[in-house]
Amino acid sequence: MANISGVGILEAMGYSKQHTEATRERILDSAGALFRSAGYEAAKIDDIMSGAGLTRGGFYAHFKSKADLFAAYVGRELDFGVQLERAARTTPDDPLAGASAALDFYLSPGNRKRVARGCTVVANAADVARSSVRTRRAFTRAFANMRDAFRSVAGRATDPEAAALASIATCVGGVVLARALADEEMIEELLEACRSSVARELSEHGSN
């Protein structure tokens, strides 16, 4: 007997390809918001499907498991790395100048409040560290994309790879800490220090 995928079963039952893809996107949208706001471990399939206006019974027609869903979510996520690359391309002769506004926004007090629509790496790092190998591999791909984006911005740094990794650690750590603090003045000081550090790291002499 032929092995038919969940999507294939739906199409065999009369659901159009467009309907099937739209339903999958609804599940991914709901999952993304819940993964970022509640964390990977706390996000339950029932809640994800409820957020998409669907019942749990339809989940396995689209995804094999929550880890499979997370991998798909990370794979399509238009996170900060994508935004950074787009901004950098606006000034090809000086990518850092083009990306500076995106970096400033990322390390802004307003962005720290966008938990449900924020950066995947910030929102899920702690949870993913305790998750399955498949989940960590999906997260690693998201991190690698972010690293590549920072590396393209750090072209003038002495060591673009090191500058990119150090800058990601500063950005992610800064936002994580800012979200945990209750002192607005301290938050401002923290994020300003992070912005200055990243600007130095990504500049021509940032790695010296």
C-alpha atoms as a PDB file:
ATOM      1  CA  MET A   1       0.000   0.000   0.000  1.00  0.00           C
ATOM      2  CA  ALA A   2       1.362   3.429  -0.920  1.00  0.00           C
ATOM      3  CA  ASN A   3       2.533   5.670   1.894  1.00  0.00           C
ATOM      4  CA  ILE A   4       0.387   8.803   1.697  1.00  0.00           C
ATOM      5  CA  SER A   5       1.338  11.934   3.643  1.00  0.00           C
ATOM      6  CA  GLY A   6      -1.122  13.832   5.810  1.00  0.00           C
ATOM      7  CA  VAL A   7      -1.395  16.539   3.189  1.00  0.00           C
ATOM      8  CA  GLY A   8      -1.961  13.881   0.528  1.00  0.00           C
ATOM      9  CA  ILE A   9      -4.819  12.441   2.577  1.00  0.00           C
ATOM     10  CA  LEU A  10      -6.438  15.874   2.839  1.00  0.00           C
ATOM     11  CA  GLU A  11      -6.208  16.358  -0.907  1.00  0.00           C
ATOM     12  CA  ALA A  12      -7.605  12.873  -1.480  1.00  0.00           C
ATOM     13  CA  MET A  13     -10.560  13.825   0.738  1.00  0.00           C
ATOM     14  CA  GLY A  14     -11.372  16.733  -1.549  1.00  0.00           C
ATOM     15  CA  TYR A  15      -9.552  19.622   0.114  1.00  0.00           C
ATOM     16  CA  SER A  16      -7.854  21.861  -2.432  1.00  0.00           C
ATOM     17  CA  LYS A  17      -4.115  22.461  -2.309  1.00  0.00           C
ATOM     18  CA  GLN A  18      -4.788  26.144  -1.621  1.00  0.00           C
ATOM     19  CA  HIS A  19      -7.075  25.323   1.302  1.00  0.00           C
ATOM     20  CA  THR A  20      -4.533  22.878   2.719  1.00  0.00           C
ATOM     21  CA  GLU A  21      -1.688  25.403   2.459  1.00  0.00           C
ATOM     22  CA  ALA A  22      -3.817  28.183   3.980  1.00  0.00           C
ATOM     23  CA  THR A  23      -4.678  25.933   6.928  1.00  0.00           C
ATOM     24  CA  ARG A  24      -1.018  25.068   7.428  1.00  0.00           C
ATOM     25  CA  GLU A  25      -0.122  28.770   7.447  1.00  0.00           C
ATOM     26  CA  ARG A  26      -2.798  29.446  10.075  1.00  0.00           C
ATOM     27  CA  ILE A  27      -1.285  26.760  12.279  1.00  0.00           C
ATOM     28  CA  LEU A  28       2.202  28.205  11.767  1.00  0.00           C
ATOM     29  CA  ASP A  29       0.994  31.728  12.598  1.00  0.00           C
ATOM     30  CA  SER A  30      -0.645  30.515  15.795  1.00  0.00           C
ATOM     31  CA  ALA A  31       2.372  28.413  16.732  1.00  0.00           C
ATOM     32  CA  GLY A  32       4.787  31.285  16.136  1.00  0.00           C
ATOM     33  CA  ALA A  33       2.900  33.640  18.447  1.00  0.00           C
ATOM     34  CA  LEU A  34       2.641  30.967  21.156  1.00  0.00           C
ATOM     35  CA  PHE A  35       6.253  29.774  20.834  1.00  0.00           C
ATOM     36  CA  ARG A  36       7.451  33.353  21.300  1.00  0.00           C
ATOM     37  CA  SER A  37       5.082  34.363  24.090  1.00  0.00           C
ATOM     38  CA  ALA A  38       4.880  31.146  26.134  1.00  0.00           C
ATOM     39  CA  GLY A  39       8.054  29.336  25.077  1.00  0.00           C
ATOM     40  CA  TYR A  40       8.507  26.112  23.161  1.00  0.00           C
ATOM     41  CA  GLU A  41       7.902  23.713  26.050  1.00  0.00           C
ATOM     42  CA  ALA A  42       4.814  25.507  27.347  1.00  0.00           C
ATOM     43  CA  ALA A  43       3.191  25.770  23.930  1.00  0.00           C
ATOM     44  CA  LYS A  44       0.644  22.957  23.700  1.00  0.00           C
ATOM     45  CA  ILE A  45      -0.703  21.534  20.473  1.00  0.00           C
ATOM     46  CA  ASP A  46      -4.297  22.022  21.693  1.00  0.00           C
ATOM     47  CA  ASP A  47      -3.635  25.726  22.320  1.00  0.00           C
ATOM     48  CA  ILE A  48      -1.855  26.166  18.998  1.00  0.00           C
ATOM     49  CA  MET A  49      -4.757  24.612  17.111  1.00  0.00           C
ATOM     50  CA  SER A  50      -7.300  26.596  19.115  1.00  0.00           C
ATOM     51  CA  GLY A  51      -5.445  29.792  18.246  1.00  0.00           C
ATOM     52  CA  ALA A  52      -5.726  28.836  14.584  1.00  0.00           C
ATOM     53  CA  GLY A  53      -9.469  28.220  14.975  1.00  0.00           C
ATOM     54  CA  LEU A  54      -9.006  24.477  14.466  1.00  0.00           C
ATOM     55  CA  THR A  55      -9.307  21.277  16.481  1.00  0.00           C
ATOM     56  CA  ARG A  56      -6.420  19.038  17.531  1.00  0.00           C
ATOM     57  CA  GLY A  57      -7.606  16.286  15.213  1.00  0.00           C
ATOM     58  CA  GLY A  58      -6.356  18.154  12.155  1.00  0.00           C
ATOM     59  CA  PHE A  59      -2.843  18.761  13.460  1.00  0.00           C
ATOM     60  CA  TYR A  60      -1.279  15.500  12.327  1.00  0.00           C
ATOM     61  CA  ALA A  61      -2.510  15.943   8.780  1.00  0.00           C
ATOM     62  CA  HIS A  62       0.022  18.789   8.537  1.00  0.00           C
ATOM     63  CA  PHE A  63       2.803  17.997  11.029  1.00  0.00           C
ATOM     64  CA  LYS A  64       4.231  14.828  12.537  1.00  0.00           C
ATOM     65  CA  SER A  65       4.950  16.361  15.948  1.00  0.00           C
ATOM     66  CA  LYS A  66       5.479  19.629  17.787  1.00  0.00           C
ATOM     67  CA  ALA A  67       9.184  19.370  16.920  1.00  0.00           C
ATOM     68  CA  ASP A  68       8.245  19.053  13.247  1.00  0.00           C
ATOM     69  CA  LEU A  69       5.997  22.114  13.585  1.00  0.00           C
ATOM     70  CA  PHE A  70       8.781  24.082  15.262  1.00  0.00           C
ATOM     71  CA  ALA A  71      11.183  23.198  12.448  1.00  0.00           C
ATOM     72  CA  ALA A  72       8.667  24.465   9.882  1.00  0.00           C
ATOM     73  CA  TYR A  73       8.021  27.631  11.908  1.00  0.00           C
ATOM     74  CA  VAL A  74      11.722  28.427  12.192  1.00  0.00           C
ATOM     75  CA  GLY A  75      12.254  27.681   8.516  1.00  0.00           C
ATOM     76  CA  ARG A  76       9.751  30.279   7.334  1.00  0.00           C
ATOM     77  CA  GLU A  77      10.277  32.853  10.079  1.00  0.00           C
ATOM     78  CA  LEU A  78      11.064  36.368   8.815  1.00  0.00           C
ATOM     79  CA  ASP A  79      13.114  37.236  11.859  1.00  0.00           C
ATOM     80  CA  PHE A  80      15.647  39.927  12.623  1.00  0.00           C
ATOM     81  CA  GLY A  81      18.341  38.419  10.425  1.00  0.00           C
ATOM     82  CA  VAL A  82      16.177  38.890   7.328  1.00  0.00           C
ATOM     83  CA  GLN A  83      15.353  42.471   8.316  1.00  0.00           C
ATOM     84  CA  LEU A  84      19.025  43.195   8.900  1.00  0.00           C
ATOM     85  CA  GLU A  85      20.083  41.867   5.501  1.00  0.00           C
ATOM     86  CA  ARG A  86      17.393  43.886   3.734  1.00  0.00           C
ATOM     87  CA  ALA A  87      18.434  47.060   5.540  1.00  0.00           C
ATOM     88  CA  ALA A  88      22.131  46.463   4.807  1.00  0.00           C
ATOM     89  CA  ARG A  89      21.439  46.122   1.079  1.00  0.00           C
ATOM     90  CA  THR A  90      20.096  49.694   0.955  1.00  0.00           C
ATOM     91  CA  THR A  91      23.690  50.963   1.278  1.00  0.00           C
ATOM     92  CA  PRO A  92      25.908  48.342  -0.410  1.00  0.00           C
ATOM     93  CA  ASP A  93      29.055  50.471  -0.014  1.00  0.00           C
ATOM     94  CA  ASP A  94      28.511  50.701   3.738  1.00  0.00           C
ATOM     95  CA  PRO A  95      26.233  47.861   4.959  1.00  0.00           C
ATOM     96  CA  LEU A  96      26.575  48.885   8.608  1.00  0.00           C
ATOM     97  CA  ALA A  97      25.169  52.339   7.864  1.00  0.00           C
ATOM     98  CA  GLY A  98      22.130  50.791   6.222  1.00  0.00           C
ATOM     99  CA  ALA A  99      21.655  48.303   9.028  1.00  0.00           C
ATOM    100  CA  SER A 100      22.075  50.785  11.878  1.00  0.00           C
ATOM    101  CA  ALA A 101      18.373  51.652  12.071  1.00  0.00           C
ATOM    102  CA  ALA A 102      17.427  47.964  12.252  1.00  0.00           C
ATOM    103  CA  LEU A 103      19.998  47.398  14.993  1.00  0.00           C
ATOM    104  CA  ASP A 104      18.776  50.436  16.928  1.00  0.00           C
ATOM    105  CA  PHE A 105      15.200  49.159  16.729  1.00  0.00           C
ATOM    106  CA  TYR A 106      16.167  45.686  17.867  1.00  0.00           C
ATOM    107  CA  LEU A 107      17.889  47.157  20.914  1.00  0.00           C
ATOM    108  CA  SER A 108      15.110  49.612  21.729  1.00  0.00           C
ATOM    109  CA  PRO A 109      12.847  49.658  24.795  1.00  0.00           C
ATOM    110  CA  GLY A 110       9.828  49.285  22.514  1.00  0.00           C
ATOM    111  CA  ASN A 111      11.079  46.096  20.886  1.00  0.00           C
ATOM    112  CA  ARG A 112      11.572  44.378  24.227  1.00  0.00           C
ATOM    113  CA  LYS A 113       7.781  44.545  24.733  1.00  0.00           C
ATOM    114  CA  ARG A 114       7.014  42.783  21.429  1.00  0.00           C
ATOM    115  CA  VAL A 115       7.301  39.347  23.001  1.00  0.00           C
ATOM    116  CA  ALA A 116       4.722  37.594  20.805  1.00  0.00           C
ATOM    117  CA  ARG A 117       6.115  39.166  17.614  1.00  0.00           C
ATOM    118  CA  GLY A 118       9.773  39.378  18.503  1.00  0.00           C
ATOM    119  CA  CYS A 119      12.950  37.527  17.621  1.00  0.00           C
ATOM    120  CA  THR A 120      12.839  33.728  17.524  1.00  0.00           C
ATOM    121  CA  VAL A 121      16.342  33.403  18.954  1.00  0.00           C
ATOM    122  CA  VAL A 122      15.533  35.631  21.939  1.00  0.00           C
ATOM    123  CA  ALA A 123      12.194  34.006  22.672  1.00  0.00           C
ATOM    124  CA  ASN A 124      13.127  30.339  22.393  1.00  0.00           C
ATOM    125  CA  ALA A 125      16.813  29.868  23.265  1.00  0.00           C
ATOM    126  CA  ALA A 126      16.349  28.791  26.891  1.00  0.00           C
ATOM    127  CA  ASP A 127      13.524  26.355  26.114  1.00  0.00           C
ATOM    128  CA  VAL A 128      15.209  24.849  23.080  1.00  0.00           C
ATOM    129  CA  ALA A 129      18.330  24.103  25.112  1.00  0.00           C
ATOM    130  CA  ARG A 130      16.256  21.502  26.984  1.00  0.00           C
ATOM    131  CA  SER A 131      14.469  20.111  23.937  1.00  0.00           C
ATOM    132  CA  SER A 132      15.052  17.356  21.390  1.00  0.00           C
ATOM    133  CA  VAL A 133      17.960  17.179  18.963  1.00  0.00           C
ATOM    134  CA  ARG A 134      15.554  17.838  16.067  1.00  0.00           C
ATOM    135  CA  THR A 135      14.328  21.013  17.743  1.00  0.00           C
ATOM    136  CA  ARG A 136      17.857  22.200  18.496  1.00  0.00           C
ATOM    137  CA  ARG A 137      18.892  21.567  14.907  1.00  0.00           C
ATOM    138  CA  ALA A 138      16.006  23.706  13.658  1.00  0.00           C
ATOM    139  CA  PHE A 139      17.012  26.426  16.105  1.00  0.00           C
ATOM    140  CA  THR A 140      20.638  26.116  14.966  1.00  0.00           C
ATOM    141  CA  ARG A 141      19.558  26.821  11.392  1.00  0.00           C
ATOM    142  CA  ALA A 142      17.776  29.977  12.538  1.00  0.00           C
ATOM    143  CA  PHE A 143      20.860  31.051  14.465  1.00  0.00           C
ATOM    144  CA  ALA A 144      23.107  30.362  11.460  1.00  0.00           C
ATOM    145  CA  ASN A 145      20.904  32.587   9.296  1.00  0.00           C
ATOM    146  CA  MET A 146      21.180  35.338  11.885  1.00  0.00           C
ATOM    147  CA  ARG A 147      24.960  34.894  12.019  1.00  0.00           C
ATOM    148  CA  ASP A 148      25.193  35.163   8.234  1.00  0.00           C
ATOM    149  CA  ALA A 149      23.192  38.392   8.295  1.00  0.00           C
ATOM    150  CA  PHE A 150      25.449  39.938  10.931  1.00  0.00           C
ATOM    151  CA  ARG A 151      28.554  38.735   9.103  1.00  0.00           C
ATOM    152  CA  SER A 152      27.440  40.515   5.920  1.00  0.00           C
ATOM    153  CA  VAL A 153      27.088  43.728   7.919  1.00  0.00           C
ATOM    154  CA  ALA A 154      30.487  43.261   9.574  1.00  0.00           C
ATOM    155  CA  GLY A 155      32.449  43.205   6.330  1.00  0.00           C
ATOM    156  CA  ARG A 156      34.829  45.940   7.524  1.00  0.00           C
ATOM    157  CA  ALA A 157      35.603  44.301  10.843  1.00  0.00           C
ATOM    158  CA  THR A 158      39.006  42.661  11.230  1.00  0.00           C
ATOM    159  CA  ASP A 159      37.305  39.313  11.895  1.00  0.00           C
ATOM    160  CA  PRO A 160      33.715  39.423  10.536  1.00  0.00           C
ATOM    161  CA  GLU A 161      32.848  35.980  11.927  1.00  0.00           C
ATOM    162  CA  ALA A 162      33.905  36.861  15.469  1.00  0.00           C
ATOM    163  CA  ALA A 163      32.275  40.288  15.200  1.00  0.00           C
ATOM    164  CA  ALA A 164      29.019  38.709  14.038  1.00  0.00           C
ATOM    165  CA  LEU A 165      28.910  36.142  16.845  1.00  0.00           C
ATOM    166  CA  ALA A 166      29.819  38.675  19.536  1.00  0.00           C
ATOM    167  CA  SER A 167      27.193  41.103  18.228  1.00  0.00           C
ATOM    168  CA  ILE A 168      24.465  38.456  18.246  1.00  0.00           C
ATOM    169  CA  ALA A 169      25.340  37.536  21.823  1.00  0.00           C
ATOM    170  CA  THR A 170      25.140  41.208  22.820  1.00  0.00           C
ATOM    171  CA  CYS A 171      21.836  41.808  21.030  1.00  0.00           C
ATOM    172  CA  VAL A 172      20.115  38.650  22.235  1.00  0.00           C
ATOM    173  CA  GLY A 173      21.455  38.939  25.779  1.00  0.00           C
ATOM    174  CA  GLY A 174      20.504  42.603  25.952  1.00  0.00           C
ATOM    175  CA  VAL A 175      16.894  41.982  24.923  1.00  0.00           C
ATOM    176  CA  VAL A 176      16.544  38.962  27.239  1.00  0.00           C
ATOM    177  CA  LEU A 177      17.787  40.969  30.218  1.00  0.00           C
ATOM    178  CA  ALA A 178      15.743  44.046  29.299  1.00  0.00           C
ATOM    179  CA  ARG A 179      12.566  41.968  29.260  1.00  0.00           C
ATOM    180  CA  ALA A 180      13.327  40.675  32.735  1.00  0.00           C
ATOM    181  CA  LEU A 181      14.021  44.075  34.319  1.00  0.00           C
ATOM    182  CA  ALA A 182      11.446  46.370  35.935  1.00  0.00           C
ATOM    183  CA  ASP A 183      13.581  49.529  36.181  1.00  0.00           C
ATOM    184  CA  GLU A 184      13.061  51.673  33.053  1.00  0.00           C
ATOM    185  CA  GLU A 185      16.185  53.755  33.611  1.00  0.00           C
ATOM    186  CA  MET A 186      18.307  50.631  33.983  1.00  0.00           C
ATOM    187  CA  ILE A 187      16.739  49.184  30.840  1.00  0.00           C
ATOM    188  CA  GLU A 188      17.602  52.314  28.863  1.00  0.00           C
ATOM    189  CA  GLU A 189      21.193  52.235  30.115  1.00  0.00           C
ATOM    190  CA  LEU A 190      21.538  48.529  29.340  1.00  0.00           C
ATOM    191  CA  LEU A 191      20.213  48.813  25.788  1.00  0.00           C
ATOM    192  CA  GLU A 192      22.273  51.925  25.048  1.00  0.00           C
ATOM    193  CA  ALA A 193      25.401  50.115  26.225  1.00  0.00           C
ATOM    194  CA  CYS A 194      24.495  47.180  23.963  1.00  0.00           C
ATOM    195  CA  ARG A 195      23.941  49.475  20.973  1.00  0.00           C
ATOM    196  CA  SER A 196      27.332  51.123  21.498  1.00  0.00           C
ATOM    197  CA  SER A 197      29.064  47.772  21.906  1.00  0.00           C
ATOM    198  CA  VAL A 198      27.540  46.318  18.732  1.00  0.00           C
ATOM    199  CA  ALA A 199      28.401  49.423  16.720  1.00  0.00           C
ATOM    200  CA  ARG A 200      32.033  49.150  17.819  1.00  0.00           C
ATOM    201  CA  GLU A 201      32.152  45.396  17.187  1.00  0.00           C
ATOM    202  CA  LEU A 202      30.789  45.644  13.664  1.00  0.00           C
ATOM    203  CA  SER A 203      32.882  48.640  12.634  1.00  0.00           C
ATOM    204  CA  GLU A 204      36.253  48.506  10.925  1.00  0.00           C
ATOM    205  CA  HIS A 205      38.195  48.383  14.155  1.00  0.00           C
ATOM    206  CA  GLY A 206      35.568  46.525  16.197  1.00  0.00           C
ATOM    207  CA  SER A 207      37.613  43.347  16.556  1.00  0.00           C
ATOM    208  CA  ASN A 208      40.916  44.989  17.432  1.00  0.00           C
END
